[in-house]
Amino acid sequence: MAENLRVSHYHNGDIIPYVTNRAEWSELVTGACDGRKRQEDNRIFGYFYNFYAAADKRNIAPEGWHVPTDDDWKELIEYL
């Protein structure tokens, strides 16, 4: 990938809620994201996604990509 992931919708068009209140994150049981800004120009350079957004069947990864599965991680570990 050439840049950090910054999607605000699942592949089916549903919105991924943007939650900036850190206290709310531990209470969430649905997908959410939050942006991180660069200090020098205050531009968002990527989003953080919670587990629910990453694991959602509606998919947040760009076309041709996917969120790594447990098998993907095991394959990487075996390779290394």
C-alpha atoms as a PDB file:
ATOM      1  CA  MET A   1       0.000   0.000   0.000  1.00  0.00           C
ATOM      2  CA  ALA A   2       1.207   3.487  -0.770  1.00  0.00           C
ATOM      3  CA  GLU A   3      -0.517   5.149   2.191  1.00  0.00           C
ATOM      4  CA  ASN A   4      -2.364   4.454   5.419  1.00  0.00           C
ATOM      5  CA  LEU A   5      -5.948   3.230   5.298  1.00  0.00           C
ATOM      6  CA  ARG A   6      -8.519   6.036   5.503  1.00  0.00           C
ATOM      7  CA  VAL A   7     -11.851   4.459   4.589  1.00  0.00           C
ATOM      8  CA  SER A   8     -15.008   5.762   6.220  1.00  0.00           C
ATOM      9  CA  HIS A   9     -17.418   3.228   4.656  1.00  0.00           C
ATOM     10  CA  TYR A  10     -17.633  -0.530   4.409  1.00  0.00           C
ATOM     11  CA  HIS A  11     -17.638  -2.019   0.902  1.00  0.00           C
ATOM     12  CA  ASN A  12     -21.434  -2.146   0.848  1.00  0.00           C
ATOM     13  CA  GLY A  13     -21.621   1.627   1.477  1.00  0.00           C
ATOM     14  CA  ASP A  14     -22.521   1.523   5.177  1.00  0.00           C
ATOM     15  CA  ILE A  15     -20.774   4.224   7.204  1.00  0.00           C
ATOM     16  CA  ILE A  16     -18.126   3.301   9.761  1.00  0.00           C
ATOM     17  CA  PRO A  17     -18.927   5.572  12.724  1.00  0.00           C
ATOM     18  CA  TYR A  18     -16.199   8.121  13.533  1.00  0.00           C
ATOM     19  CA  VAL A  19     -15.723   8.090  17.330  1.00  0.00           C
ATOM     20  CA  THR A  20     -13.211  10.484  18.891  1.00  0.00           C
ATOM     21  CA  ASN A  21     -14.143  10.093  22.562  1.00  0.00           C
ATOM     22  CA  ARG A  22     -11.632   7.614  24.032  1.00  0.00           C
ATOM     23  CA  ALA A  23     -13.940   6.762  26.945  1.00  0.00           C
ATOM     24  CA  GLU A  24     -16.528   5.485  24.451  1.00  0.00           C
ATOM     25  CA  TRP A  25     -14.101   3.085  22.737  1.00  0.00           C
ATOM     26  CA  SER A  26     -14.062   0.548  25.567  1.00  0.00           C
ATOM     27  CA  GLU A  27     -17.874   0.462  25.576  1.00  0.00           C
ATOM     28  CA  LEU A  28     -18.342  -0.098  21.829  1.00  0.00           C
ATOM     29  CA  VAL A  29     -19.687  -3.374  20.481  1.00  0.00           C
ATOM     30  CA  THR A  30     -19.893  -2.166  16.862  1.00  0.00           C
ATOM     31  CA  GLY A  31     -17.347  -0.968  14.328  1.00  0.00           C
ATOM     32  CA  ALA A  32     -15.790   2.482  14.662  1.00  0.00           C
ATOM     33  CA  CYS A  33     -12.813   4.510  13.479  1.00  0.00           C
ATOM     34  CA  ASP A  34     -10.842   7.562  14.586  1.00  0.00           C
ATOM     35  CA  GLY A  35      -8.375   9.662  12.601  1.00  0.00           C
ATOM     36  CA  ARG A  36      -4.821  10.581  13.541  1.00  0.00           C
ATOM     37  CA  LYS A  37      -3.474  13.944  12.467  1.00  0.00           C
ATOM     38  CA  ARG A  38       0.071  14.995  11.653  1.00  0.00           C
ATOM     39  CA  GLN A  39       1.309  17.696  13.982  1.00  0.00           C
ATOM     40  CA  GLU A  40       3.005  19.753  11.286  1.00  0.00           C
ATOM     41  CA  ASP A  41      -0.081  20.397   9.137  1.00  0.00           C
ATOM     42  CA  ASN A  42      -3.008  18.912  11.109  1.00  0.00           C
ATOM     43  CA  ARG A  43      -3.972  16.625   8.171  1.00  0.00           C
ATOM     44  CA  ILE A  44      -5.355  13.155   8.835  1.00  0.00           C
ATOM     45  CA  PHE A  45      -2.857  10.556   7.637  1.00  0.00           C
ATOM     46  CA  GLY A  46      -4.771   7.431   8.554  1.00  0.00           C
ATOM     47  CA  TYR A  47      -7.533   5.983  10.708  1.00  0.00           C
ATOM     48  CA  PHE A  48      -7.505   3.623  13.643  1.00  0.00           C
ATOM     49  CA  TYR A  49     -10.202   0.958  13.474  1.00  0.00           C
ATOM     50  CA  ASN A  50     -11.511  -1.080  16.358  1.00  0.00           C
ATOM     51  CA  PHE A  51     -11.751  -4.868  16.236  1.00  0.00           C
ATOM     52  CA  TYR A  52     -15.416  -4.786  15.265  1.00  0.00           C
ATOM     53  CA  ALA A  53     -14.736  -2.694  12.155  1.00  0.00           C
ATOM     54  CA  ALA A  54     -11.722  -4.794  11.135  1.00  0.00           C
ATOM     55  CA  ALA A  55     -13.569  -8.107  11.605  1.00  0.00           C
ATOM     56  CA  ASP A  56     -16.835  -6.973  10.019  1.00  0.00           C
ATOM     57  CA  LYS A  57     -17.960  -9.071   7.038  1.00  0.00           C
ATOM     58  CA  ARG A  58     -18.749  -5.864   5.104  1.00  0.00           C
ATOM     59  CA  ASN A  59     -14.963  -5.416   4.750  1.00  0.00           C
ATOM     60  CA  ILE A  60     -12.875  -2.271   5.241  1.00  0.00           C
ATOM     61  CA  ALA A  61      -9.864  -3.318   3.163  1.00  0.00           C
ATOM     62  CA  PRO A  62      -9.354  -1.855  -0.327  1.00  0.00           C
ATOM     63  CA  GLU A  63     -10.284  -3.932  -3.372  1.00  0.00           C
ATOM     64  CA  GLY A  64      -7.832  -6.815  -3.726  1.00  0.00           C
ATOM     65  CA  TRP A  65      -6.749  -6.609  -0.049  1.00  0.00           C
ATOM     66  CA  HIS A  66      -8.056  -8.157   3.155  1.00  0.00           C
ATOM     67  CA  VAL A  67      -7.610  -7.851   6.888  1.00  0.00           C
ATOM     68  CA  PRO A  68      -5.108 -10.571   7.886  1.00  0.00           C
ATOM     69  CA  THR A  69      -6.637 -13.766   9.208  1.00  0.00           C
ATOM     70  CA  ASP A  70      -5.162 -15.977  11.904  1.00  0.00           C
ATOM     71  CA  ASP A  71      -3.901 -18.278   9.125  1.00  0.00           C
ATOM     72  CA  ASP A  72      -2.166 -15.310   7.432  1.00  0.00           C
ATOM     73  CA  TRP A  73      -0.332 -14.498  10.668  1.00  0.00           C
ATOM     74  CA  LYS A  74       0.659 -18.160  11.157  1.00  0.00           C
ATOM     75  CA  GLU A  75       2.024 -18.308   7.606  1.00  0.00           C
ATOM     76  CA  LEU A  76       4.081 -15.152   8.225  1.00  0.00           C
ATOM     77  CA  ILE A  77       5.431 -16.547  11.506  1.00  0.00           C
ATOM     78  CA  GLU A  78       6.421 -19.818   9.816  1.00  0.00           C
ATOM     79  CA  TYR A  79       8.084 -17.905   6.994  1.00  0.00           C
ATOM     80  CA  LEU A  80      10.126 -15.779   9.377  1.00  0.00           C
END
